[in-house]
Amino acid sequence: MNTPANTLPDNAIEARGLVKTYAATKTTPEMRALKGVDLAIPRGSIFGLLGPNGAGKSTFINILAGMTRKTSGSVSIWGRDIDERRRDASAAIGVVPQEIAGDVFFTPRESMEVQAGLYGVPKTERRTDELLAAMGLTDKADAYVRQLSGGMKRRLMVAKAMVHNPPVLVLDEPTAGVDVELRRQLWSYVEALNRQGVTVVLTTHYLEEAEALCDTIAIVNRGEVVACESTQSLLRRLDSRSVVVTPDAPLFTAPDLAPFESALRANGDLVVTFKTGQAGVEQVLSAVRAAGVTIKDLRTEDPDLEDVFVSLTSDPAKAA
């Protein structure tokens, strides 16, 4: 979708005070899935949307896709309010849902052509073969979709989401059930799209994936945004580091190194964790030597995204 450069929005997606409440039924009480969510997803970013199961991620995505009606608040996609300009907003976004779905009686090529027709893409502007090739599906273009593996069906869903060339692509758990090689191929394509200017919104349970790909991450818990900042800023939230010591002689138990925490790994390494605001590596090493441990080798480890995720979602009091 081509938009004049001087009219490009700063944010690809904006949500303000977004609330979704599911009404009570005979068997379930009223549930508030989103509780006043505010999010601004920068244009041109790879944006991670993370959270435990039931946090509200899929509800947010379904509202973007037009599959779920919000209760209150506002949402705009590429500067188009979803209430005032629903058709224009839909044209600006491609959504790959978490559930695998396919037109089982069509071939991938036919399925792509039907999808392009639904979006009103002229035949002369369709990129069916290009997108199938990008997803590694050229040799399956004329097979029935029902004959494809789960990973192939998921890649076809990504291709279908791009038939109308949207500036925003939302991927809800796109690599679930996909083997390592196919996952790498998919992310290579996603990164290429991003370099071309496509804004990518990603949900994933593979935290190392989000850490490697996303430049900005929001963490959602119980329907609320508990953090939204750059990946590096999130990683700095934990005021801790670890010194990993390979002892010269095997240890059978971890020595008491109070006030530092110590533990033995299965490979025999001694891991000592400390607060960076209270101590330094040299103080840790002094405590290790004082405990009678001779150091053969050592390295330091910084916290990863999984540590931050756990700290923000396990204890509501920490959700700042």
C-alpha atoms as a PDB file:
ATOM      1  CA  MET A   1       0.000   0.000   0.000  1.00  0.00           C
ATOM      2  CA  ASN A   2       1.587   3.239  -1.123  1.00  0.00           C
ATOM      3  CA  THR A   3       1.117   6.320   1.063  1.00  0.00           C
ATOM      4  CA  PRO A   4       2.700   9.716   0.393  1.00  0.00           C
ATOM      5  CA  ALA A   5       5.779  10.143   2.586  1.00  0.00           C
ATOM      6  CA  ASN A   6       4.490  13.372   4.122  1.00  0.00           C
ATOM      7  CA  THR A   7       1.338  11.626   5.375  1.00  0.00           C
ATOM      8  CA  LEU A   8       2.973   8.604   6.979  1.00  0.00           C
ATOM      9  CA  PRO A   9       1.901   8.251  10.631  1.00  0.00           C
ATOM     10  CA  ASP A  10       4.494   8.169  13.393  1.00  0.00           C
ATOM     11  CA  ASN A  11       2.829   5.075  14.822  1.00  0.00           C
ATOM     12  CA  ALA A  12       1.606   2.138  12.780  1.00  0.00           C
ATOM     13  CA  ILE A  13      -0.914   1.205  15.497  1.00  0.00           C
ATOM     14  CA  GLU A  14      -2.273   3.281  18.368  1.00  0.00           C
ATOM     15  CA  ALA A  15      -4.597   2.106  21.126  1.00  0.00           C
ATOM     16  CA  ARG A  16      -5.972   4.439  23.780  1.00  0.00           C
ATOM     17  CA  GLY A  17      -7.966   3.252  26.790  1.00  0.00           C
ATOM     18  CA  LEU A  18      -8.825   0.005  25.014  1.00  0.00           C
ATOM     19  CA  VAL A  19     -11.282  -2.130  26.979  1.00  0.00           C
ATOM     20  CA  LYS A  20     -12.835  -5.458  26.093  1.00  0.00           C
ATOM     21  CA  THR A  21     -15.345  -7.042  28.432  1.00  0.00           C
ATOM     22  CA  TYR A  22     -16.944 -10.408  27.692  1.00  0.00           C
ATOM     23  CA  ALA A  23     -20.457 -10.652  29.095  1.00  0.00           C
ATOM     24  CA  ALA A  24     -21.327 -13.268  31.668  1.00  0.00           C
ATOM     25  CA  THR A  25     -22.923 -16.497  30.505  1.00  0.00           C
ATOM     26  CA  LYS A  26     -24.721 -19.280  32.341  1.00  0.00           C
ATOM     27  CA  THR A  27     -21.402 -20.999  33.004  1.00  0.00           C
ATOM     28  CA  THR A  28     -18.867 -18.157  33.142  1.00  0.00           C
ATOM     29  CA  PRO A  29     -18.741 -14.814  34.965  1.00  0.00           C
ATOM     30  CA  GLU A  30     -18.132 -11.503  33.206  1.00  0.00           C
ATOM     31  CA  MET A  31     -14.506 -11.248  32.117  1.00  0.00           C
ATOM     32  CA  ARG A  32     -12.548  -8.094  31.378  1.00  0.00           C
ATOM     33  CA  ALA A  33      -9.904  -9.235  28.895  1.00  0.00           C
ATOM     34  CA  LEU A  34      -8.419  -5.768  28.281  1.00  0.00           C
ATOM     35  CA  LYS A  35      -8.367  -3.125  31.000  1.00  0.00           C
ATOM     36  CA  GLY A  36      -7.684   0.253  29.430  1.00  0.00           C
ATOM     37  CA  VAL A  37      -4.721  -0.695  27.234  1.00  0.00           C
ATOM     38  CA  ASP A  38      -2.583   2.160  25.887  1.00  0.00           C
ATOM     39  CA  LEU A  39      -0.111   1.181  23.174  1.00  0.00           C
ATOM     40  CA  ALA A  40       1.774   3.077  20.478  1.00  0.00           C
ATOM     41  CA  ILE A  41       3.565   0.819  18.005  1.00  0.00           C
ATOM     42  CA  PRO A  42       6.168   2.820  16.061  1.00  0.00           C
ATOM     43  CA  ARG A  43       6.101   2.757  12.278  1.00  0.00           C
ATOM     44  CA  GLY A  44       8.896   0.615  10.845  1.00  0.00           C
ATOM     45  CA  SER A  45       9.552  -1.373  14.018  1.00  0.00           C
ATOM     46  CA  ILE A  46       9.508  -5.075  14.829  1.00  0.00           C
ATOM     47  CA  PHE A  47       7.330  -4.881  17.913  1.00  0.00           C
ATOM     48  CA  GLY A  48       7.001  -7.751  20.359  1.00  0.00           C
ATOM     49  CA  LEU A  49       3.731  -8.292  22.237  1.00  0.00           C
ATOM     50  CA  LEU A  50       4.415 -10.772  25.010  1.00  0.00           C
ATOM     51  CA  GLY A  51       2.493 -12.165  27.934  1.00  0.00           C
ATOM     52  CA  PRO A  52       1.331 -15.409  29.547  1.00  0.00           C
ATOM     53  CA  ASN A  53      -1.659 -17.345  28.234  1.00  0.00           C
ATOM     54  CA  GLY A  54      -4.851 -15.427  28.877  1.00  0.00           C
ATOM     55  CA  ALA A  55      -3.068 -12.076  29.191  1.00  0.00           C
ATOM     56  CA  GLY A  56      -5.158 -10.451  26.445  1.00  0.00           C
ATOM     57  CA  LYS A  57      -2.768 -10.596  23.469  1.00  0.00           C
ATOM     58  CA  SER A  58      -5.083 -12.497  21.138  1.00  0.00           C
ATOM     59  CA  THR A  59      -8.042 -10.308  22.122  1.00  0.00           C
ATOM     60  CA  PHE A  60      -6.011  -7.242  21.152  1.00  0.00           C
ATOM     61  CA  ILE A  61      -5.054  -8.798  17.814  1.00  0.00           C
ATOM     62  CA  ASN A  62      -8.633  -9.902  17.101  1.00  0.00           C
ATOM     63  CA  ILE A  63      -9.793  -6.319  17.635  1.00  0.00           C
ATOM     64  CA  LEU A  64      -7.188  -5.129  15.127  1.00  0.00           C
ATOM     65  CA  ALA A  65      -8.334  -7.785  12.662  1.00  0.00           C
ATOM     66  CA  GLY A  66     -11.990  -6.817  13.021  1.00  0.00           C
ATOM     67  CA  MET A  67     -12.910 -10.217  14.475  1.00  0.00           C
ATOM     68  CA  THR A  68     -13.763  -8.891  17.953  1.00  0.00           C
ATOM     69  CA  ARG A  69     -15.637  -5.727  18.878  1.00  0.00           C
ATOM     70  CA  LYS A  70     -14.001  -3.562  21.515  1.00  0.00           C
ATOM     71  CA  THR A  71     -16.092  -2.428  24.480  1.00  0.00           C
ATOM     72  CA  SER A  72     -14.600   1.058  24.696  1.00  0.00           C
ATOM     73  CA  GLY A  73     -11.514   3.076  23.863  1.00  0.00           C
ATOM     74  CA  SER A  74     -10.018   3.835  20.468  1.00  0.00           C
ATOM     75  CA  VAL A  75      -7.745   2.048  17.993  1.00  0.00           C
ATOM     76  CA  SER A  76      -6.178   3.345  14.812  1.00  0.00           C
ATOM     77  CA  ILE A  77      -4.196   1.427  12.204  1.00  0.00           C
ATOM     78  CA  TRP A  78      -1.909   3.446   9.935  1.00  0.00           C
ATOM     79  CA  GLY A  79      -3.720   6.582  11.095  1.00  0.00           C
ATOM     80  CA  ARG A  80      -7.203   5.189  10.326  1.00  0.00           C
ATOM     81  CA  ASP A  81      -9.644   4.830  13.216  1.00  0.00           C
ATOM     82  CA  ILE A  82     -11.164   1.350  13.128  1.00  0.00           C
ATOM     83  CA  ASP A  83     -14.637   2.720  13.911  1.00  0.00           C
ATOM     84  CA  GLU A  84     -14.613   5.622  11.483  1.00  0.00           C
ATOM     85  CA  ARG A  85     -12.615   3.992   8.658  1.00  0.00           C
ATOM     86  CA  ARG A  86     -12.924   0.245   9.163  1.00  0.00           C
ATOM     87  CA  ARG A  87     -12.361  -0.660   5.506  1.00  0.00           C
ATOM     88  CA  ASP A  88      -9.285   1.571   5.183  1.00  0.00           C
ATOM     89  CA  ALA A  89      -7.896   0.296   8.476  1.00  0.00           C
ATOM     90  CA  SER A  90      -8.351  -3.319   7.353  1.00  0.00           C
ATOM     91  CA  ALA A  91      -6.572  -2.576   4.085  1.00  0.00           C
ATOM     92  CA  ALA A  92      -3.535  -1.383   6.042  1.00  0.00           C
ATOM     93  CA  ILE A  93      -3.010  -4.570   8.034  1.00  0.00           C
ATOM     94  CA  GLY A  94      -2.338  -8.242   7.401  1.00  0.00           C
ATOM     95  CA  VAL A  95      -2.999 -10.631  10.274  1.00  0.00           C
ATOM     96  CA  VAL A  96      -1.694 -14.177  10.637  1.00  0.00           C
ATOM     97  CA  PRO A  97      -3.822 -15.798  13.383  1.00  0.00           C
ATOM     98  CA  GLN A  98      -2.532 -18.335  15.857  1.00  0.00           C
ATOM     99  CA  GLU A  99      -4.883 -21.084  14.675  1.00  0.00           C
ATOM    100  CA  ILE A 100      -3.924 -22.828  11.460  1.00  0.00           C
ATOM    101  CA  ALA A 101      -6.667 -22.449   8.861  1.00  0.00           C
ATOM    102  CA  GLY A 102      -6.708 -23.273   5.172  1.00  0.00           C
ATOM    103  CA  ASP A 103      -8.942 -23.705   2.156  1.00  0.00           C
ATOM    104  CA  VAL A 104      -8.441 -27.464   2.050  1.00  0.00           C
ATOM    105  CA  PHE A 105     -10.046 -27.951  -1.378  1.00  0.00           C
ATOM    106  CA  PHE A 106      -7.931 -25.234  -3.009  1.00  0.00           C
ATOM    107  CA  THR A 107      -4.288 -25.263  -4.008  1.00  0.00           C
ATOM    108  CA  PRO A 108      -1.991 -22.652  -2.426  1.00  0.00           C
ATOM    109  CA  ARG A 109      -1.974 -20.709  -5.703  1.00  0.00           C
ATOM    110  CA  GLU A 110      -5.791 -20.739  -5.890  1.00  0.00           C
ATOM    111  CA  SER A 111      -6.054 -19.787  -2.227  1.00  0.00           C
ATOM    112  CA  MET A 112      -3.740 -16.820  -2.791  1.00  0.00           C
ATOM    113  CA  GLU A 113      -5.737 -15.674  -5.815  1.00  0.00           C
ATOM    114  CA  VAL A 114      -9.016 -15.850  -3.885  1.00  0.00           C
ATOM    115  CA  GLN A 115      -7.499 -13.847  -1.023  1.00  0.00           C
ATOM    116  CA  ALA A 116      -6.203 -11.206  -3.423  1.00  0.00           C
ATOM    117  CA  GLY A 117      -9.652 -10.997  -5.000  1.00  0.00           C
ATOM    118  CA  LEU A 118     -11.256 -10.425  -1.601  1.00  0.00           C
ATOM    119  CA  TYR A 119      -8.978  -7.408  -1.112  1.00  0.00           C
ATOM    120  CA  GLY A 120      -9.702  -6.121  -4.595  1.00  0.00           C
ATOM    121  CA  VAL A 121      -6.143  -6.481  -5.834  1.00  0.00           C
ATOM    122  CA  PRO A 122      -6.129  -6.177  -9.676  1.00  0.00           C
ATOM    123  CA  LYS A 123      -4.803  -9.271 -11.446  1.00  0.00           C
ATOM    124  CA  THR A 124      -1.960  -7.269 -12.964  1.00  0.00           C
ATOM    125  CA  GLU A 125      -0.755  -6.291  -9.461  1.00  0.00           C
ATOM    126  CA  ARG A 126      -0.961  -9.688  -7.782  1.00  0.00           C
ATOM    127  CA  ARG A 127       2.238 -11.254  -6.423  1.00  0.00           C
ATOM    128  CA  THR A 128       1.065 -14.821  -5.915  1.00  0.00           C
ATOM    129  CA  ASP A 129       4.143 -16.602  -7.256  1.00  0.00           C
ATOM    130  CA  GLU A 130       6.516 -14.114  -5.626  1.00  0.00           C
ATOM    131  CA  LEU A 131       4.967 -14.605  -2.188  1.00  0.00           C
ATOM    132  CA  LEU A 132       4.768 -18.387  -2.524  1.00  0.00           C
ATOM    133  CA  ALA A 133       8.448 -18.445  -3.485  1.00  0.00           C
ATOM    134  CA  ALA A 134       9.353 -16.232  -0.524  1.00  0.00           C
ATOM    135  CA  MET A 135       7.620 -18.732   1.759  1.00  0.00           C
ATOM    136  CA  GLY A 136       9.333 -21.719   0.132  1.00  0.00           C
ATOM    137  CA  LEU A 137       6.077 -23.039  -1.317  1.00  0.00           C
ATOM    138  CA  THR A 138       6.769 -22.911  -5.053  1.00  0.00           C
ATOM    139  CA  ASP A 139       6.939 -26.696  -5.407  1.00  0.00           C
ATOM    140  CA  LYS A 140       3.614 -27.015  -3.534  1.00  0.00           C
ATOM    141  CA  ALA A 141       1.786 -24.249  -5.388  1.00  0.00           C
ATOM    142  CA  ASP A 142      -0.494 -26.681  -7.236  1.00  0.00           C
ATOM    143  CA  ALA A 143      -0.937 -29.290  -4.497  1.00  0.00           C
ATOM    144  CA  TYR A 144      -4.069 -29.252  -2.377  1.00  0.00           C
ATOM    145  CA  VAL A 145      -3.749 -27.272   0.866  1.00  0.00           C
ATOM    146  CA  ARG A 146      -4.953 -30.321   2.807  1.00  0.00           C
ATOM    147  CA  GLN A 147      -1.787 -32.127   1.675  1.00  0.00           C
ATOM    148  CA  LEU A 148       0.526 -29.547   3.234  1.00  0.00           C
ATOM    149  CA  SER A 149       2.257 -30.042   6.563  1.00  0.00           C
ATOM    150  CA  GLY A 150       1.387 -27.809   9.506  1.00  0.00           C
ATOM    151  CA  GLY A 151       4.490 -25.699   8.951  1.00  0.00           C
ATOM    152  CA  MET A 152       3.674 -25.226   5.269  1.00  0.00           C
ATOM    153  CA  LYS A 153       0.094 -24.209   6.080  1.00  0.00           C
ATOM    154  CA  ARG A 154       1.401 -21.621   8.522  1.00  0.00           C
ATOM    155  CA  ARG A 155       3.750 -20.200   5.883  1.00  0.00           C
ATOM    156  CA  LEU A 156       0.848 -20.067   3.428  1.00  0.00           C
ATOM    157  CA  MET A 157      -1.088 -18.035   5.996  1.00  0.00           C
ATOM    158  CA  VAL A 158       1.771 -15.524   6.119  1.00  0.00           C
ATOM    159  CA  ALA A 159       1.775 -15.286   2.319  1.00  0.00           C
ATOM    160  CA  LYS A 160      -2.012 -14.743   2.265  1.00  0.00           C
ATOM    161  CA  ALA A 161      -1.697 -11.949   4.837  1.00  0.00           C
ATOM    162  CA  MET A 162       0.620 -10.089   2.447  1.00  0.00           C
ATOM    163  CA  VAL A 163      -1.438 -10.335  -0.775  1.00  0.00           C
ATOM    164  CA  HIS A 164      -2.639  -6.712  -0.505  1.00  0.00           C
ATOM    165  CA  ASN A 165       0.826  -5.399   0.372  1.00  0.00           C
ATOM    166  CA  PRO A 166      -0.170  -3.989   3.805  1.00  0.00           C
ATOM    167  CA  PRO A 167       2.240  -1.684   5.662  1.00  0.00           C
ATOM    168  CA  VAL A 168       1.504  -3.529   8.936  1.00  0.00           C
ATOM    169  CA  LEU A 169       1.869  -7.291   9.466  1.00  0.00           C
ATOM    170  CA  VAL A 170       0.672  -8.963  12.684  1.00  0.00           C
ATOM    171  CA  LEU A 171       1.984 -12.438  13.460  1.00  0.00           C
ATOM    172  CA  ASP A 172       0.274 -14.295  16.316  1.00  0.00           C
ATOM    173  CA  GLU A 173       2.559 -17.168  17.384  1.00  0.00           C
ATOM    174  CA  PRO A 174       3.720 -17.714  13.773  1.00  0.00           C
ATOM    175  CA  THR A 175       6.454 -20.243  14.565  1.00  0.00           C
ATOM    176  CA  ALA A 176       4.432 -22.513  16.860  1.00  0.00           C
ATOM    177  CA  GLY A 177       4.889 -26.064  15.620  1.00  0.00           C
ATOM    178  CA  VAL A 178       7.430 -25.039  12.978  1.00  0.00           C
ATOM    179  CA  ASP A 179      10.822 -26.747  12.932  1.00  0.00           C
ATOM    180  CA  VAL A 180      14.043 -24.794  13.441  1.00  0.00           C
ATOM    181  CA  GLU A 181      14.975 -24.533   9.765  1.00  0.00           C
ATOM    182  CA  LEU A 182      11.554 -23.273   8.707  1.00  0.00           C
ATOM    183  CA  ARG A 183      11.522 -20.847  11.631  1.00  0.00           C
ATOM    184  CA  ARG A 184      14.782 -19.344  10.435  1.00  0.00           C
ATOM    185  CA  GLN A 185      13.446 -19.034   6.890  1.00  0.00           C
ATOM    186  CA  LEU A 186      10.323 -17.312   8.145  1.00  0.00           C
ATOM    187  CA  TRP A 187      12.238 -14.805  10.248  1.00  0.00           C
ATOM    188  CA  SER A 188      14.619 -14.111   7.388  1.00  0.00           C
ATOM    189  CA  TYR A 189      11.609 -13.125   5.292  1.00  0.00           C
ATOM    190  CA  VAL A 190      10.078 -11.078   8.114  1.00  0.00           C
ATOM    191  CA  GLU A 191      13.327  -9.163   8.585  1.00  0.00           C
ATOM    192  CA  ALA A 192      13.494  -8.536   4.829  1.00  0.00           C
ATOM    193  CA  LEU A 193       9.925  -7.172   4.901  1.00  0.00           C
ATOM    194  CA  ASN A 194      10.832  -4.924   7.800  1.00  0.00           C
ATOM    195  CA  ARG A 195      13.834  -3.544   5.905  1.00  0.00           C
ATOM    196  CA  GLN A 196      11.388  -2.645   3.128  1.00  0.00           C
ATOM    197  CA  GLY A 197       9.366  -0.592   5.616  1.00  0.00           C
ATOM    198  CA  VAL A 198       6.743  -3.060   6.845  1.00  0.00           C
ATOM    199  CA  THR A 199       5.916  -2.730  10.533  1.00  0.00           C
ATOM    200  CA  VAL A 200       5.811  -6.168  12.159  1.00  0.00           C
ATOM    201  CA  VAL A 201       3.901  -6.969  15.348  1.00  0.00           C
ATOM    202  CA  LEU A 202       4.851 -10.308  16.836  1.00  0.00           C
ATOM    203  CA  THR A 203       3.535 -12.483  19.625  1.00  0.00           C
ATOM    204  CA  THR A 204       5.657 -15.464  20.557  1.00  0.00           C
ATOM    205  CA  HIS A 205       6.363 -17.839  23.427  1.00  0.00           C
ATOM    206  CA  TYR A 206       9.976 -18.125  22.263  1.00  0.00           C
ATOM    207  CA  LEU A 207      11.487 -15.328  24.330  1.00  0.00           C
ATOM    208  CA  GLU A 208      14.912 -15.712  22.746  1.00  0.00           C
ATOM    209  CA  GLU A 209      13.188 -15.083  19.418  1.00  0.00           C
ATOM    210  CA  ALA A 210      11.682 -11.812  20.647  1.00  0.00           C
ATOM    211  CA  GLU A 211      14.988 -10.771  22.178  1.00  0.00           C
ATOM    212  CA  ALA A 212      16.811 -11.341  18.894  1.00  0.00           C
ATOM    213  CA  LEU A 213      14.224  -9.781  16.556  1.00  0.00           C
ATOM    214  CA  CYS A 214      12.291  -7.064  18.354  1.00  0.00           C
ATOM    215  CA  ASP A 215      13.521  -3.539  18.908  1.00  0.00           C
ATOM    216  CA  THR A 216      10.536  -2.669  21.131  1.00  0.00           C
ATOM    217  CA  ILE A 217       8.571  -4.986  23.418  1.00  0.00           C
ATOM    218  CA  ALA A 218       5.336  -4.639  25.367  1.00  0.00           C
ATOM    219  CA  ILE A 219       4.528  -7.135  28.103  1.00  0.00           C
ATOM    220  CA  VAL A 220       0.836  -7.672  28.844  1.00  0.00           C
ATOM    221  CA  ASN A 221      -0.445  -9.349  31.984  1.00  0.00           C
ATOM    222  CA  ARG A 222      -4.065  -9.776  33.120  1.00  0.00           C
ATOM    223  CA  GLY A 223      -5.298  -7.389  30.436  1.00  0.00           C
ATOM    224  CA  GLU A 224      -2.890  -4.583  31.289  1.00  0.00           C
ATOM    225  CA  VAL A 225       0.386  -3.372  29.815  1.00  0.00           C
ATOM    226  CA  VAL A 226       2.996  -3.823  32.545  1.00  0.00           C
ATOM    227  CA  ALA A 227       5.972  -2.712  30.432  1.00  0.00           C
ATOM    228  CA  CYS A 228       6.536  -1.143  27.031  1.00  0.00           C
ATOM    229  CA  GLU A 229      10.017  -0.049  26.072  1.00  0.00           C
ATOM    230  CA  SER A 230      13.046  -0.917  23.996  1.00  0.00           C
ATOM    231  CA  THR A 231      14.354  -4.457  24.327  1.00  0.00           C
ATOM    232  CA  GLN A 232      17.643  -3.225  25.759  1.00  0.00           C
ATOM    233  CA  SER A 233      15.847  -1.028  28.286  1.00  0.00           C
ATOM    234  CA  LEU A 234      13.775  -3.997  29.431  1.00  0.00           C
ATOM    235  CA  LEU A 235      16.910  -6.079  29.915  1.00  0.00           C
ATOM    236  CA  ARG A 236      18.387  -3.349  32.104  1.00  0.00           C
ATOM    237  CA  ARG A 237      15.393  -3.575  34.450  1.00  0.00           C
ATOM    238  CA  LEU A 238      16.975  -6.416  36.397  1.00  0.00           C
ATOM    239  CA  ASP A 239      19.715  -5.127  38.646  1.00  0.00           C
ATOM    240  CA  SER A 240      21.607  -8.406  38.672  1.00  0.00           C
ATOM    241  CA  ARG A 241      24.446 -10.263  37.006  1.00  0.00           C
ATOM    242  CA  SER A 242      25.955 -13.690  37.424  1.00  0.00           C
ATOM    243  CA  VAL A 243      29.544 -14.821  37.597  1.00  0.00           C
ATOM    244  CA  VAL A 244      29.980 -18.366  36.288  1.00  0.00           C
ATOM    245  CA  VAL A 245      33.078 -20.016  37.735  1.00  0.00           C
ATOM    246  CA  THR A 246      34.631 -23.228  36.458  1.00  0.00           C
ATOM    247  CA  PRO A 247      36.453 -24.585  39.533  1.00  0.00           C
ATOM    248  CA  ASP A 248      39.859 -26.195  39.202  1.00  0.00           C
ATOM    249  CA  ALA A 249      38.658 -29.128  41.323  1.00  0.00           C
ATOM    250  CA  PRO A 250      35.097 -30.547  41.270  1.00  0.00           C
ATOM    251  CA  LEU A 251      32.647 -29.194  43.834  1.00  0.00           C
ATOM    252  CA  PHE A 252      30.007 -31.459  45.359  1.00  0.00           C
ATOM    253  CA  THR A 253      27.959 -28.683  46.965  1.00  0.00           C
ATOM    254  CA  ALA A 254      27.745 -24.948  46.399  1.00  0.00           C
ATOM    255  CA  PRO A 255      29.646 -23.008  49.073  1.00  0.00           C
ATOM    256  CA  ASP A 256      27.825 -20.456  51.208  1.00  0.00           C
ATOM    257  CA  LEU A 257      28.833 -17.099  49.715  1.00  0.00           C
ATOM    258  CA  ALA A 258      26.362 -14.834  51.553  1.00  0.00           C
ATOM    259  CA  PRO A 259      25.267 -12.157  50.793  1.00  0.00           C
ATOM    260  CA  PHE A 260      25.571 -13.572  47.253  1.00  0.00           C
ATOM    261  CA  GLU A 261      23.395 -16.391  45.913  1.00  0.00           C
ATOM    262  CA  SER A 262      25.303 -19.460  44.752  1.00  0.00           C
ATOM    263  CA  ALA A 263      24.328 -22.652  42.943  1.00  0.00           C
ATOM    264  CA  LEU A 264      25.981 -25.549  41.148  1.00  0.00           C
ATOM    265  CA  ARG A 265      25.047 -26.375  37.580  1.00  0.00           C
ATOM    266  CA  ALA A 266      24.898 -29.923  36.270  1.00  0.00           C
ATOM    267  CA  ASN A 267      28.195 -29.431  34.429  1.00  0.00           C
ATOM    268  CA  GLY A 268      29.963 -28.496  37.674  1.00  0.00           C
ATOM    269  CA  ASP A 269      30.065 -24.732  37.144  1.00  0.00           C
ATOM    270  CA  LEU A 270      29.469 -22.529  40.167  1.00  0.00           C
ATOM    271  CA  VAL A 271      27.019 -19.682  39.488  1.00  0.00           C
ATOM    272  CA  VAL A 272      27.141 -16.668  41.785  1.00  0.00           C
ATOM    273  CA  THR A 273      24.435 -14.003  41.382  1.00  0.00           C
ATOM    274  CA  PHE A 274      24.833 -10.482  42.728  1.00  0.00           C
ATOM    275  CA  LYS A 275      23.107  -7.091  42.620  1.00  0.00           C
ATOM    276  CA  THR A 276      25.125  -4.722  40.457  1.00  0.00           C
ATOM    277  CA  GLY A 277      24.196  -1.767  42.653  1.00  0.00           C
ATOM    278  CA  GLN A 278      25.620  -3.459  45.742  1.00  0.00           C
ATOM    279  CA  ALA A 279      28.743  -5.283  44.605  1.00  0.00           C
ATOM    280  CA  GLY A 280      31.120  -5.891  41.718  1.00  0.00           C
ATOM    281  CA  VAL A 281      32.762  -8.890  40.079  1.00  0.00           C
ATOM    282  CA  GLU A 282      35.960  -8.499  42.110  1.00  0.00           C
ATOM    283  CA  GLN A 283      34.015  -8.747  45.390  1.00  0.00           C
ATOM    284  CA  VAL A 284      32.319 -11.891  44.131  1.00  0.00           C
ATOM    285  CA  LEU A 285      35.645 -13.448  43.168  1.00  0.00           C
ATOM    286  CA  SER A 286      37.104 -12.570  46.564  1.00  0.00           C
ATOM    287  CA  ALA A 287      34.230 -14.405  48.248  1.00  0.00           C
ATOM    288  CA  VAL A 288      34.744 -17.425  45.965  1.00  0.00           C
ATOM    289  CA  ARG A 289      38.472 -17.558  46.783  1.00  0.00           C
ATOM    290  CA  ALA A 290      37.781 -17.077  50.507  1.00  0.00           C
ATOM    291  CA  ALA A 291      35.554 -20.178  50.347  1.00  0.00           C
ATOM    292  CA  GLY A 292      38.581 -22.174  49.187  1.00  0.00           C
ATOM    293  CA  VAL A 293      37.547 -22.478  45.524  1.00  0.00           C
ATOM    294  CA  THR A 294      40.387 -22.335  43.004  1.00  0.00           C
ATOM    295  CA  ILE A 295      39.212 -20.709  39.788  1.00  0.00           C
ATOM    296  CA  LYS A 296      40.090 -22.421  36.523  1.00  0.00           C
ATOM    297  CA  ASP A 297      37.948 -20.203  34.292  1.00  0.00           C
ATOM    298  CA  LEU A 298      35.148 -17.678  34.614  1.00  0.00           C
ATOM    299  CA  ARG A 299      32.670 -15.588  32.655  1.00  0.00           C
ATOM    300  CA  THR A 300      29.813 -13.215  33.422  1.00  0.00           C
ATOM    301  CA  GLU A 301      26.182 -13.541  32.350  1.00  0.00           C
ATOM    302  CA  ASP A 302      23.589 -10.781  32.092  1.00  0.00           C
ATOM    303  CA  PRO A 303      19.849 -11.382  32.590  1.00  0.00           C
ATOM    304  CA  ASP A 304      17.843 -12.294  29.490  1.00  0.00           C
ATOM    305  CA  LEU A 305      14.321 -11.440  28.418  1.00  0.00           C
ATOM    306  CA  GLU A 306      12.906 -14.522  30.138  1.00  0.00           C
ATOM    307  CA  ASP A 307      14.128 -13.199  33.500  1.00  0.00           C
ATOM    308  CA  VAL A 308      12.424  -9.853  32.881  1.00  0.00           C
ATOM    309  CA  PHE A 309       9.240 -11.557  31.677  1.00  0.00           C
ATOM    310  CA  VAL A 310       9.001 -13.710  34.790  1.00  0.00           C
ATOM    311  CA  SER A 311       9.704 -10.783  37.091  1.00  0.00           C
ATOM    312  CA  LEU A 312       6.932  -8.687  35.551  1.00  0.00           C
ATOM    313  CA  THR A 313       4.238 -11.347  35.203  1.00  0.00           C
ATOM    314  CA  SER A 314       4.662 -13.471  38.306  1.00  0.00           C
ATOM    315  CA  ASP A 315       4.126 -10.717  40.862  1.00  0.00           C
ATOM    316  CA  PRO A 316       1.543  -7.964  40.150  1.00  0.00           C
ATOM    317  CA  ALA A 317       3.297  -5.665  42.632  1.00  0.00           C
ATOM    318  CA  LYS A 318       6.259  -5.542  40.251  1.00  0.00           C
ATOM    319  CA  ALA A 319       4.164  -4.495  37.287  1.00  0.00           C
ATOM    320  CA  ALA A 320       5.216  -0.877  37.189  1.00  0.00           C
END
